[in-house]
Amino acid sequence: MEPARVSDLEIEIITLQSDLELKSKANHPEFWALVVLEKFLLLKEVYQRLRSHFGSTYMCESGFSTIKILKSKYRSRLTDSHLNDCMRMAVTNYTPEISKLAEGLQSQHSH
């Protein structure tokens, strides 16, 4: 960050610390939604960048944990394609409607 922006950011921090109304809401879960964008533009920008960074880090770490579980010593012969399919199933939010899928199938009759 360039020096002029750093000093502007420092001024915003001091202004935020001295704002009694915001100070009273400091523990509010949606604190940054309460901050007036025009008054604390640089602070909100820094907050949004930090927040997005940790969200993407969580997703990455979660993916590595899933791979570690899928590709254990008992399943060491997984192909890349199969591992990719397992990862998709592990991280998706999709829930198939089994009853609808089963309705379209015809059961085999014994002779």
PDB file of N, CA and C in Angstrom:
ATOM      1  N   MET A   1       0.853  -1.172   0.000  1.00  0.00           N
ATOM      2  CA  MET A   1       0.000   0.000   0.000  1.00  0.00           C
ATOM      3  C   MET A   1       0.902   1.239   0.000  1.00  0.00           C
ATOM      4  N   GLU A   2       0.556   2.202  -0.826  1.00  0.00           N
ATOM      5  CA  GLU A   2       1.373   3.417  -0.921  1.00  0.00           C
ATOM      6  C   GLU A   2       1.249   4.265   0.346  1.00  0.00           C
ATOM      7  N   PRO A   3       2.267   5.067   0.663  1.00  0.00           N
ATOM      8  CA  PRO A   3       2.300   5.849   1.914  1.00  0.00           C
ATOM      9  C   PRO A   3       1.081   6.755   2.136  1.00  0.00           C
ATOM     10  N   ALA A   4       0.574   7.385   1.082  1.00  0.00           N
ATOM     11  CA  ALA A   4      -0.591   8.271   1.234  1.00  0.00           C
ATOM     12  C   ALA A   4      -1.805   7.477   1.684  1.00  0.00           C
ATOM     13  N   ARG A   5      -1.976   6.279   1.112  1.00  0.00           N
ATOM     14  CA  ARG A   5      -3.114   5.427   1.489  1.00  0.00           C
ATOM     15  C   ARG A   5      -2.943   4.895   2.914  1.00  0.00           C
ATOM     16  N   VAL A   6      -1.695   4.619   3.311  1.00  0.00           N
ATOM     17  CA  VAL A   6      -1.439   4.141   4.671  1.00  0.00           C
ATOM     18  C   VAL A   6      -1.836   5.213   5.684  1.00  0.00           C
ATOM     19  N   SER A   7      -1.467   6.448   5.424  1.00  0.00           N
ATOM     20  CA  SER A   7      -1.826   7.516   6.369  1.00  0.00           C
ATOM     21  C   SER A   7      -3.340   7.741   6.381  1.00  0.00           C
ATOM     22  N   ASP A   8      -3.992   7.619   5.218  1.00  0.00           N
ATOM     23  CA  ASP A   8      -5.459   7.730   5.182  1.00  0.00           C
ATOM     24  C   ASP A   8      -6.103   6.585   5.969  1.00  0.00           C
ATOM     25  N   LEU A   9      -5.527   5.408   5.848  1.00  0.00           N
ATOM     26  CA  LEU A   9      -6.037   4.252   6.587  1.00  0.00           C
ATOM     27  C   LEU A   9      -5.860   4.460   8.090  1.00  0.00           C
ATOM     28  N   GLU A  10      -4.727   5.000   8.493  1.00  0.00           N
ATOM     29  CA  GLU A  10      -4.488   5.280   9.915  1.00  0.00           C
ATOM     30  C   GLU A  10      -5.513   6.276  10.440  1.00  0.00           C
ATOM     31  N   ILE A  11      -5.833   7.282   9.656  1.00  0.00           N
ATOM     32  CA  ILE A  11      -6.855   8.265  10.056  1.00  0.00           C
ATOM     33  C   ILE A  11      -8.214   7.588  10.200  1.00  0.00           C
ATOM     34  N   GLU A  12      -8.543   6.691   9.276  1.00  0.00           N
ATOM     35  CA  GLU A  12      -9.816   5.973   9.377  1.00  0.00           C
ATOM     36  C   GLU A  12      -9.850   5.121  10.645  1.00  0.00           C
ATOM     37  N   ILE A  13      -8.753   4.475  10.981  1.00  0.00           N
ATOM     38  CA  ILE A  13      -8.704   3.647  12.196  1.00  0.00           C
ATOM     39  C   ILE A  13      -8.925   4.511  13.435  1.00  0.00           C
ATOM     40  N   ILE A  14      -8.268   5.652  13.493  1.00  0.00           N
ATOM     41  CA  ILE A  14      -8.425   6.562  14.640  1.00  0.00           C
ATOM     42  C   ILE A  14      -9.868   7.063  14.720  1.00  0.00           C
ATOM     43  N   THR A  15     -10.447   7.397  13.566  1.00  0.00           N
ATOM     44  CA  THR A  15     -11.830   7.869  13.530  1.00  0.00           C
ATOM     45  C   THR A  15     -12.782   6.761  13.996  1.00  0.00           C
ATOM     46  N   LEU A  16     -12.528   5.544  13.552  1.00  0.00           N
ATOM     47  CA  LEU A  16     -13.369   4.410  13.963  1.00  0.00           C
ATOM     48  C   LEU A  16     -13.270   4.187  15.470  1.00  0.00           C
ATOM     49  N   GLN A  17     -12.059   4.256  16.006  1.00  0.00           N
ATOM     50  CA  GLN A  17     -11.864   4.038  17.442  1.00  0.00           C
ATOM     51  C   GLN A  17     -12.553   5.107  18.284  1.00  0.00           C
ATOM     52  N   SER A  18     -12.704   6.290  17.732  1.00  0.00           N
ATOM     53  CA  SER A  18     -13.324   7.369  18.509  1.00  0.00           C
ATOM     54  C   SER A  18     -14.830   7.503  18.269  1.00  0.00           C
ATOM     55  N   ASP A  19     -15.389   6.705  17.366  1.00  0.00           N
ATOM     56  CA  ASP A  19     -16.823   6.739  17.071  1.00  0.00           C
ATOM     57  C   ASP A  19     -17.578   5.972  18.163  1.00  0.00           C
ATOM     58  N   LEU A  20     -18.252   6.691  19.052  1.00  0.00           N
ATOM     59  CA  LEU A  20     -18.920   6.073  20.202  1.00  0.00           C
ATOM     60  C   LEU A  20     -20.062   5.150  19.787  1.00  0.00           C
ATOM     61  N   GLU A  21     -20.795   5.522  18.754  1.00  0.00           N
ATOM     62  CA  GLU A  21     -21.919   4.691  18.301  1.00  0.00           C
ATOM     63  C   GLU A  21     -21.418   3.339  17.803  1.00  0.00           C
ATOM     64  N   LEU A  22     -20.363   3.344  16.977  1.00  0.00           N
ATOM     65  CA  LEU A  22     -19.813   2.080  16.486  1.00  0.00           C
ATOM     66  C   LEU A  22     -19.117   1.296  17.591  1.00  0.00           C
ATOM     67  N   LYS A  23     -18.505   1.995  18.519  1.00  0.00           N
ATOM     68  CA  LYS A  23     -17.836   1.343  19.643  1.00  0.00           C
ATOM     69  C   LYS A  23     -18.839   0.514  20.455  1.00  0.00           C
ATOM     70  N   SER A  24     -20.057   1.041  20.592  1.00  0.00           N
ATOM     71  CA  SER A  24     -21.086   0.328  21.350  1.00  0.00           C
ATOM     72  C   SER A  24     -21.561  -0.933  20.624  1.00  0.00           C
ATOM     73  N   LYS A  25     -21.318  -1.015  19.319  1.00  0.00           N
ATOM     74  CA  LYS A  25     -21.749  -2.175  18.522  1.00  0.00           C
ATOM     75  C   LYS A  25     -20.573  -3.047  18.100  1.00  0.00           C
ATOM     76  N   ALA A  26     -19.442  -2.892  18.746  1.00  0.00           N
ATOM     77  CA  ALA A  26     -18.219  -3.588  18.341  1.00  0.00           C
ATOM     78  C   ALA A  26     -18.349  -5.109  18.369  1.00  0.00           C
ATOM     79  N   ASN A  27     -19.181  -5.653  19.248  1.00  0.00           N
ATOM     80  CA  ASN A  27     -19.330  -7.109  19.348  1.00  0.00           C
ATOM     81  C   ASN A  27     -20.478  -7.650  18.505  1.00  0.00           C
ATOM     82  N   HIS A  28     -21.104  -6.801  17.740  1.00  0.00           N
ATOM     83  CA  HIS A  28     -22.212  -7.208  16.868  1.00  0.00           C
ATOM     84  C   HIS A  28     -21.664  -8.140  15.784  1.00  0.00           C
ATOM     85  N   PRO A  29     -22.346  -9.273  15.508  1.00  0.00           N
ATOM     86  CA  PRO A  29     -21.829 -10.222  14.510  1.00  0.00           C
ATOM     87  C   PRO A  29     -21.699  -9.630  13.101  1.00  0.00           C
ATOM     88  N   GLU A  30     -22.529  -8.659  12.774  1.00  0.00           N
ATOM     89  CA  GLU A  30     -22.474  -8.019  11.459  1.00  0.00           C
ATOM     90  C   GLU A  30     -21.924  -6.601  11.581  1.00  0.00           C
ATOM     91  N   PHE A  31     -20.889  -6.439  12.375  1.00  0.00           N
ATOM     92  CA  PHE A  31     -20.326  -5.116  12.650  1.00  0.00           C
ATOM     93  C   PHE A  31     -19.989  -4.350  11.378  1.00  0.00           C
ATOM     94  N   TRP A  32     -19.311  -4.997  10.431  1.00  0.00           N
ATOM     95  CA  TRP A  32     -18.863  -4.285   9.231  1.00  0.00           C
ATOM     96  C   TRP A  32     -20.022  -3.884   8.327  1.00  0.00           C
ATOM     97  N   ALA A  33     -21.172  -4.528   8.467  1.00  0.00           N
ATOM     98  CA  ALA A  33     -22.350  -4.106   7.710  1.00  0.00           C
ATOM     99  C   ALA A  33     -22.890  -2.789   8.263  1.00  0.00           C
ATOM    100  N   LEU A  34     -22.593  -2.502   9.527  1.00  0.00           N
ATOM    101  CA  LEU A  34     -23.057  -1.271  10.169  1.00  0.00           C
ATOM    102  C   LEU A  34     -22.155  -0.070   9.865  1.00  0.00           C
ATOM    103  N   VAL A  35     -20.942  -0.338   9.406  1.00  0.00           N
ATOM    104  CA  VAL A  35     -19.978   0.734   9.147  1.00  0.00           C
ATOM    105  C   VAL A  35     -20.365   1.462   7.860  1.00  0.00           C
ATOM    106  N   VAL A  36     -20.427   2.785   7.919  1.00  0.00           N
ATOM    107  CA  VAL A  36     -20.789   3.602   6.760  1.00  0.00           C
ATOM    108  C   VAL A  36     -19.653   3.553   5.744  1.00  0.00           C
ATOM    109  N   LEU A  37     -19.974   3.088   4.550  1.00  0.00           N
ATOM    110  CA  LEU A  37     -18.960   2.891   3.510  1.00  0.00           C
ATOM    111  C   LEU A  37     -18.213   4.173   3.165  1.00  0.00           C
ATOM    112  N   GLU A  38     -18.924   5.279   3.048  1.00  0.00           N
ATOM    113  CA  GLU A  38     -18.292   6.530   2.644  1.00  0.00           C
ATOM    114  C   GLU A  38     -17.319   7.050   3.697  1.00  0.00           C
ATOM    115  N   LYS A  39     -17.573   6.742   4.940  1.00  0.00           N
ATOM    116  CA  LYS A  39     -16.743   7.246   6.030  1.00  0.00           C
ATOM    117  C   LYS A  39     -15.479   6.408   6.231  1.00  0.00           C
ATOM    118  N   PHE A  40     -15.553   5.111   5.979  1.00  0.00           N
ATOM    119  CA  PHE A  40     -14.440   4.189   6.229  1.00  0.00           C
ATOM    120  C   PHE A  40     -14.167   3.328   4.995  1.00  0.00           C
ATOM    121  N   LEU A  41     -13.996   3.949   3.872  1.00  0.00           N
ATOM    122  CA  LEU A  41     -13.826   3.252   2.600  1.00  0.00           C
ATOM    123  C   LEU A  41     -12.611   2.317   2.599  1.00  0.00           C
ATOM    124  N   LEU A  42     -11.462   2.799   3.048  1.00  0.00           N
ATOM    125  CA  LEU A  42     -10.249   1.975   3.047  1.00  0.00           C
ATOM    126  C   LEU A  42     -10.332   0.825   4.044  1.00  0.00           C
ATOM    127  N   LEU A  43     -10.895   1.085   5.207  1.00  0.00           N
ATOM    128  CA  LEU A  43     -11.039   0.026   6.218  1.00  0.00           C
ATOM    129  C   LEU A  43     -11.951  -1.092   5.725  1.00  0.00           C
ATOM    130  N   LYS A  44     -13.050  -0.726   5.086  1.00  0.00           N
ATOM    131  CA  LYS A  44     -13.955  -1.753   4.565  1.00  0.00           C
ATOM    132  C   LYS A  44     -13.280  -2.560   3.462  1.00  0.00           C
ATOM    133  N   GLU A  45     -12.467  -1.893   2.660  1.00  0.00           N
ATOM    134  CA  GLU A  45     -11.741  -2.591   1.591  1.00  0.00           C
ATOM    135  C   GLU A  45     -10.772  -3.613   2.188  1.00  0.00           C
ATOM    136  N   VAL A  46     -10.038  -3.206   3.208  1.00  0.00           N
ATOM    137  CA  VAL A  46      -9.105  -4.118   3.879  1.00  0.00           C
ATOM    138  C   VAL A  46      -9.872  -5.278   4.514  1.00  0.00           C
ATOM    139  N   TYR A  47     -10.984  -4.983   5.168  1.00  0.00           N
ATOM    140  CA  TYR A  47     -11.804  -6.025   5.794  1.00  0.00           C
ATOM    141  C   TYR A  47     -12.293  -7.034   4.757  1.00  0.00           C
ATOM    142  N   GLN A  48     -12.795  -6.550   3.628  1.00  0.00           N
ATOM    143  CA  GLN A  48     -13.319  -7.452   2.602  1.00  0.00           C
ATOM    144  C   GLN A  48     -12.215  -8.325   2.009  1.00  0.00           C
ATOM    145  N   ARG A  49     -11.044  -7.763   1.829  1.00  0.00           N
ATOM    146  CA  ARG A  49      -9.929  -8.563   1.314  1.00  0.00           C
ATOM    147  C   ARG A  49      -9.519  -9.647   2.309  1.00  0.00           C
ATOM    148  N   LEU A  50      -9.429  -9.284   3.573  1.00  0.00           N
ATOM    149  CA  LEU A  50      -9.070 -10.272   4.596  1.00  0.00           C
ATOM    150  C   LEU A  50     -10.121 -11.357   4.717  1.00  0.00           C
ATOM    151  N   ARG A  51     -11.368 -10.969   4.696  1.00  0.00           N
ATOM    152  CA  ARG A  51     -12.461 -11.937   4.835  1.00  0.00           C
ATOM    153  C   ARG A  51     -12.467 -12.928   3.676  1.00  0.00           C
ATOM    154  N   SER A  52     -12.284 -12.452   2.459  1.00  0.00           N
ATOM    155  CA  SER A  52     -12.283 -13.351   1.304  1.00  0.00           C
ATOM    156  C   SER A  52     -11.063 -14.268   1.325  1.00  0.00           C
ATOM    157  N   HIS A  53      -9.960 -13.793   1.829  1.00  0.00           N
ATOM    158  CA  HIS A  53      -8.748 -14.611   1.905  1.00  0.00           C
ATOM    159  C   HIS A  53      -8.964 -15.818   2.811  1.00  0.00           C
ATOM    160  N   PHE A  54      -9.532 -15.610   3.978  1.00  0.00           N
ATOM    161  CA  PHE A  54      -9.722 -16.719   4.912  1.00  0.00           C
ATOM    162  C   PHE A  54     -10.781 -17.686   4.424  1.00  0.00           C
ATOM    163  N   GLY A  55     -11.779 -17.194   3.721  1.00  0.00           N
ATOM    164  CA  GLY A  55     -12.789 -18.087   3.162  1.00  0.00           C
ATOM    165  C   GLY A  55     -12.198 -19.022   2.139  1.00  0.00           C
ATOM    166  N   SER A  56     -11.348 -18.511   1.253  1.00  0.00           N
ATOM    167  CA  SER A  56     -10.746 -19.358   0.230  1.00  0.00           C
ATOM    168  C   SER A  56      -9.718 -20.307   0.848  1.00  0.00           C
ATOM    169  N   THR A  57      -9.031 -19.875   1.896  1.00  0.00           N
ATOM    170  CA  THR A  57      -8.082 -20.748   2.583  1.00  0.00           C
ATOM    171  C   THR A  57      -8.814 -21.930   3.209  1.00  0.00           C
ATOM    172  N   TYR A  58      -9.977 -21.660   3.795  1.00  0.00           N
ATOM    173  CA  TYR A  58     -10.771 -22.731   4.404  1.00  0.00           C
ATOM    174  C   TYR A  58     -11.159 -23.770   3.358  1.00  0.00           C
ATOM    175  N   MET A  59     -11.625 -23.300   2.200  1.00  0.00           N
ATOM    176  CA  MET A  59     -12.044 -24.228   1.143  1.00  0.00           C
ATOM    177  C   MET A  59     -10.865 -25.081   0.691  1.00  0.00           C
ATOM    178  N   CYS A  60      -9.711 -24.474   0.559  1.00  0.00           N
ATOM    179  CA  CYS A  60      -8.507 -25.188   0.123  1.00  0.00           C
ATOM    180  C   CYS A  60      -8.109 -26.245   1.158  1.00  0.00           C
ATOM    181  N   GLU A  61      -8.063 -25.856   2.419  1.00  0.00           N
ATOM    182  CA  GLU A  61      -7.690 -26.790   3.484  1.00  0.00           C
ATOM    183  C   GLU A  61      -8.708 -27.928   3.588  1.00  0.00           C
ATOM    184  N   SER A  62      -9.968 -27.607   3.414  1.00  0.00           N
ATOM    185  CA  SER A  62     -11.019 -28.621   3.448  1.00  0.00           C
ATOM    186  C   SER A  62     -10.823 -29.638   2.320  1.00  0.00           C
ATOM    187  N   GLY A  63     -10.452 -29.145   1.145  1.00  0.00           N
ATOM    188  CA  GLY A  63     -10.198 -30.033   0.011  1.00  0.00           C
ATOM    189  C   GLY A  63      -9.018 -30.954   0.262  1.00  0.00           C
ATOM    190  N   PHE A  64      -7.939 -30.414   0.830  1.00  0.00           N
ATOM    191  CA  PHE A  64      -6.777 -31.255   1.143  1.00  0.00           C
ATOM    192  C   PHE A  64      -7.119 -32.320   2.187  1.00  0.00           C
ATOM    193  N   SER A  65      -7.938 -31.956   3.161  1.00  0.00           N
ATOM    194  CA  SER A  65      -8.351 -32.938   4.172  1.00  0.00           C
ATOM    195  C   SER A  65      -9.164 -34.056   3.532  1.00  0.00           C
ATOM    196  N   THR A  66     -10.026 -33.693   2.602  1.00  0.00           N
ATOM    197  CA  THR A  66     -10.840 -34.690   1.911  1.00  0.00           C
ATOM    198  C   THR A  66      -9.960 -35.632   1.100  1.00  0.00           C
ATOM    199  N   ILE A  67      -8.977 -35.085   0.396  1.00  0.00           N
ATOM    200  CA  ILE A  67      -8.058 -35.932  -0.383  1.00  0.00           C
ATOM    201  C   ILE A  67      -7.311 -36.881   0.541  1.00  0.00           C
ATOM    202  N   LYS A  68      -6.886 -36.385   1.693  1.00  0.00           N
ATOM    203  CA  LYS A  68      -6.142 -37.220   2.638  1.00  0.00           C
ATOM    204  C   LYS A  68      -7.004 -38.401   3.106  1.00  0.00           C
ATOM    205  N   ILE A  69      -8.278 -38.151   3.322  1.00  0.00           N
ATOM    206  CA  ILE A  69      -9.189 -39.224   3.748  1.00  0.00           C
ATOM    207  C   ILE A  69      -9.420 -40.208   2.599  1.00  0.00           C
ATOM    208  N   LEU A  70      -9.657 -39.679   1.398  1.00  0.00           N
ATOM    209  CA  LEU A  70      -9.941 -40.539   0.248  1.00  0.00           C
ATOM    210  C   LEU A  70      -8.740 -41.379  -0.169  1.00  0.00           C
ATOM    211  N   LYS A  71      -7.570 -40.765  -0.155  1.00  0.00           N
ATOM    212  CA  LYS A  71      -6.373 -41.442  -0.644  1.00  0.00           C
ATOM    213  C   LYS A  71      -5.513 -41.896   0.530  1.00  0.00           C
ATOM    214  N   SER A  72      -6.032 -42.837   1.271  1.00  0.00           N
ATOM    215  CA  SER A  72      -5.315 -43.375   2.426  1.00  0.00           C
ATOM    216  C   SER A  72      -4.445 -44.552   1.974  1.00  0.00           C
ATOM    217  N   LYS A  73      -3.753 -45.167   2.922  1.00  0.00           N
ATOM    218  CA  LYS A  73      -2.903 -46.307   2.567  1.00  0.00           C
ATOM    219  C   LYS A  73      -3.736 -47.496   2.077  1.00  0.00           C
ATOM    220  N   TYR A  74      -5.015 -47.521   2.427  1.00  0.00           N
ATOM    221  CA  TYR A  74      -5.887 -48.612   2.002  1.00  0.00           C
ATOM    222  C   TYR A  74      -6.461 -48.374   0.605  1.00  0.00           C
ATOM    223  N   ARG A  75      -6.360 -47.147   0.122  1.00  0.00           N
ATOM    224  CA  ARG A  75      -6.881 -46.818  -1.208  1.00  0.00           C
ATOM    225  C   ARG A  75      -5.800 -46.120  -2.022  1.00  0.00           C
ATOM    226  N   SER A  76      -4.606 -46.620  -1.970  1.00  0.00           N
ATOM    227  CA  SER A  76      -3.470 -45.959  -2.610  1.00  0.00           C
ATOM    228  C   SER A  76      -3.442 -46.150  -4.127  1.00  0.00           C
ATOM    229  N   ARG A  77      -4.276 -47.016  -4.657  1.00  0.00           N
ATOM    230  CA  ARG A  77      -4.245 -47.293  -6.091  1.00  0.00           C
ATOM    231  C   ARG A  77      -5.327 -46.526  -6.857  1.00  0.00           C
ATOM    232  N   LEU A  78      -5.847 -45.470  -6.278  1.00  0.00           N
ATOM    233  CA  LEU A  78      -6.844 -44.659  -6.976  1.00  0.00           C
ATOM    234  C   LEU A  78      -6.218 -43.987  -8.192  1.00  0.00           C
ATOM    235  N   THR A  79      -6.937 -44.014  -9.294  1.00  0.00           N
ATOM    236  CA  THR A  79      -6.464 -43.269 -10.465  1.00  0.00           C
ATOM    237  C   THR A  79      -6.840 -41.803 -10.276  1.00  0.00           C
ATOM    238  N   ASP A  80      -6.203 -40.919 -11.032  1.00  0.00           N
ATOM    239  CA  ASP A  80      -6.529 -39.503 -10.937  1.00  0.00           C
ATOM    240  C   ASP A  80      -7.992 -39.252 -11.283  1.00  0.00           C
ATOM    241  N   SER A  81      -8.487 -39.971 -12.280  1.00  0.00           N
ATOM    242  CA  SER A  81      -9.878 -39.808 -12.697  1.00  0.00           C
ATOM    243  C   SER A  81     -10.835 -40.228 -11.572  1.00  0.00           C
ATOM    244  N   HIS A  82     -10.548 -41.364 -10.950  1.00  0.00           N
ATOM    245  CA  HIS A  82     -11.410 -41.852  -9.876  1.00  0.00           C
ATOM    246  C   HIS A  82     -11.335 -40.932  -8.651  1.00  0.00           C
ATOM    247  N   LEU A  83     -10.143 -40.454  -8.348  1.00  0.00           N
ATOM    248  CA  LEU A  83      -9.977 -39.516  -7.233  1.00  0.00           C
ATOM    249  C   LEU A  83     -10.766 -38.237  -7.505  1.00  0.00           C
ATOM    250  N   ASN A  84     -10.727 -37.759  -8.749  1.00  0.00           N
ATOM    251  CA  ASN A  84     -11.491 -36.581  -9.138  1.00  0.00           C
ATOM    252  C   ASN A  84     -12.991 -36.810  -8.915  1.00  0.00           C
ATOM    253  N   ASP A  85     -13.492 -37.977  -9.314  1.00  0.00           N
ATOM    254  CA  ASP A  85     -14.905 -38.304  -9.113  1.00  0.00           C
ATOM    255  C   ASP A  85     -15.257 -38.365  -7.628  1.00  0.00           C
ATOM    256  N   CYS A  86     -14.381 -38.973  -6.829  1.00  0.00           N
ATOM    257  CA  CYS A  86     -14.618 -39.061  -5.379  1.00  0.00           C
ATOM    258  C   CYS A  86     -14.617 -37.675  -4.730  1.00  0.00           C
ATOM    259  N   MET A  87     -13.706 -36.813  -5.181  1.00  0.00           N
ATOM    260  CA  MET A  87     -13.648 -35.441  -4.652  1.00  0.00           C
ATOM    261  C   MET A  87     -14.931 -34.684  -4.968  1.00  0.00           C
ATOM    262  N   ARG A  88     -15.424 -34.839  -6.195  1.00  0.00           N
ATOM    263  CA  ARG A  88     -16.671 -34.164  -6.577  1.00  0.00           C
ATOM    264  C   ARG A  88     -17.820 -34.609  -5.668  1.00  0.00           C
ATOM    265  N   MET A  89     -17.889 -35.892  -5.403  1.00  0.00           N
ATOM    266  CA  MET A  89     -18.958 -36.409  -4.540  1.00  0.00           C
ATOM    267  C   MET A  89     -18.787 -35.931  -3.104  1.00  0.00           C
ATOM    268  N   ALA A  90     -17.559 -35.804  -2.650  1.00  0.00           N
ATOM    269  CA  ALA A  90     -17.295 -35.433  -1.256  1.00  0.00           C
ATOM    270  C   ALA A  90     -17.593 -33.966  -0.976  1.00  0.00           C
ATOM    271  N   VAL A  91     -17.367 -33.086  -1.934  1.00  0.00           N
ATOM    272  CA  VAL A  91     -17.503 -31.656  -1.665  1.00  0.00           C
ATOM    273  C   VAL A  91     -18.777 -31.025  -2.230  1.00  0.00           C
ATOM    274  N   THR A  92     -19.589 -31.791  -2.930  1.00  0.00           N
ATOM    275  CA  THR A  92     -20.800 -31.230  -3.526  1.00  0.00           C
ATOM    276  C   THR A  92     -21.921 -31.070  -2.501  1.00  0.00           C
ATOM    277  N   ASN A  93     -22.794 -30.119  -2.755  1.00  0.00           N
ATOM    278  CA  ASN A  93     -23.992 -29.928  -1.920  1.00  0.00           C
ATOM    279  C   ASN A  93     -25.190 -30.643  -2.524  1.00  0.00           C
ATOM    280  N   TYR A  94     -25.010 -31.239  -3.688  1.00  0.00           N
ATOM    281  CA  TYR A  94     -26.101 -31.890  -4.402  1.00  0.00           C
ATOM    282  C   TYR A  94     -26.560 -33.138  -3.659  1.00  0.00           C
ATOM    283  N   THR A  95     -27.872 -33.271  -3.511  1.00  0.00           N
ATOM    284  CA  THR A  95     -28.463 -34.473  -2.920  1.00  0.00           C
ATOM    285  C   THR A  95     -29.399 -35.088  -3.953  1.00  0.00           C
ATOM    286  N   PRO A  96     -29.080 -36.273  -4.461  1.00  0.00           N
ATOM    287  CA  PRO A  96     -29.936 -36.872  -5.487  1.00  0.00           C
ATOM    288  C   PRO A  96     -31.285 -37.296  -4.906  1.00  0.00           C
ATOM    289  N   GLU A  97     -32.309 -37.228  -5.734  1.00  0.00           N
ATOM    290  CA  GLU A  97     -33.647 -37.674  -5.322  1.00  0.00           C
ATOM    291  C   GLU A  97     -33.773 -39.138  -5.734  1.00  0.00           C
ATOM    292  N   ILE A  98     -33.400 -40.019  -4.838  1.00  0.00           N
ATOM    293  CA  ILE A  98     -33.330 -41.453  -5.115  1.00  0.00           C
ATOM    294  C   ILE A  98     -34.681 -42.016  -5.547  1.00  0.00           C
ATOM    295  N   SER A  99     -35.756 -41.600  -4.882  1.00  0.00           N
ATOM    296  CA  SER A  99     -37.076 -42.147  -5.222  1.00  0.00           C
ATOM    297  C   SER A  99     -37.469 -41.794  -6.660  1.00  0.00           C
ATOM    298  N   LYS A 100     -37.178 -40.580  -7.106  1.00  0.00           N
ATOM    299  CA  LYS A 100     -37.486 -40.193  -8.491  1.00  0.00           C
ATOM    300  C   LYS A 100     -36.640 -40.988  -9.479  1.00  0.00           C
ATOM    301  N   LEU A 101     -35.377 -41.187  -9.137  1.00  0.00           N
ATOM    302  CA  LEU A 101     -34.504 -41.963 -10.015  1.00  0.00           C
ATOM    303  C   LEU A 101     -34.960 -43.418 -10.095  1.00  0.00           C
ATOM    304  N   ALA A 102     -35.394 -43.960  -8.974  1.00  0.00           N
ATOM    305  CA  ALA A 102     -35.822 -45.364  -8.934  1.00  0.00           C
ATOM    306  C   ALA A 102     -37.125 -45.579  -9.693  1.00  0.00           C
ATOM    307  N   GLU A 103     -37.989 -44.574  -9.741  1.00  0.00           N
ATOM    308  CA  GLU A 103     -39.258 -44.710 -10.462  1.00  0.00           C
ATOM    309  C   GLU A 103     -39.042 -44.984 -11.944  1.00  0.00           C
ATOM    310  N   GLY A 104     -38.010 -44.419 -12.503  1.00  0.00           N
ATOM    311  CA  GLY A 104     -37.741 -44.578 -13.926  1.00  0.00           C
ATOM    312  C   GLY A 104     -37.072 -45.894 -14.291  1.00  0.00           C
ATOM    313  N   LEU A 105     -36.640 -46.662 -13.306  1.00  0.00           N
ATOM    314  CA  LEU A 105     -35.977 -47.932 -13.581  1.00  0.00           C
ATOM    315  C   LEU A 105     -36.979 -49.078 -13.611  1.00  0.00           C
ATOM    316  N   GLN A 106     -36.690 -50.038 -14.465  1.00  0.00           N
ATOM    317  CA  GLN A 106     -37.535 -51.213 -14.532  1.00  0.00           C
ATOM    318  C   GLN A 106     -36.809 -52.346 -13.827  1.00  0.00           C
ATOM    319  N   SER A 107     -37.478 -52.988 -12.898  1.00  0.00           N
ATOM    320  CA  SER A 107     -36.809 -54.050 -12.150  1.00  0.00           C
ATOM    321  C   SER A 107     -36.736 -55.318 -13.003  1.00  0.00           C
ATOM    322  N   GLN A 108     -35.728 -56.148 -12.740  1.00  0.00           N
ATOM    323  CA  GLN A 108     -35.573 -57.404 -13.469  1.00  0.00           C
ATOM    324  C   GLN A 108     -36.471 -58.459 -12.843  1.00  0.00           C
ATOM    325  N   HIS A 109     -37.140 -59.190 -13.686  1.00  0.00           N
ATOM    326  CA  HIS A 109     -37.992 -60.281 -13.205  1.00  0.00           C
ATOM    327  C   HIS A 109     -37.256 -61.588 -13.397  1.00  0.00           C
ATOM    328  N   SER A 110     -37.386 -62.499 -12.452  1.00  0.00           N
ATOM    329  CA  SER A 110     -36.742 -63.800 -12.613  1.00  0.00           C
ATOM    330  C   SER A 110     -37.569 -64.643 -13.556  1.00  0.00           C
ATOM    331  N   HIS A 111     -36.955 -65.549 -14.237  1.00  0.00           N
ATOM    332  CA  HIS A 111     -37.636 -66.358 -15.261  1.00  0.00           C
ATOM    333  C   HIS A 111     -38.378 -67.480 -14.673  1.00  0.00           C
TER     334      HIS A 111
END
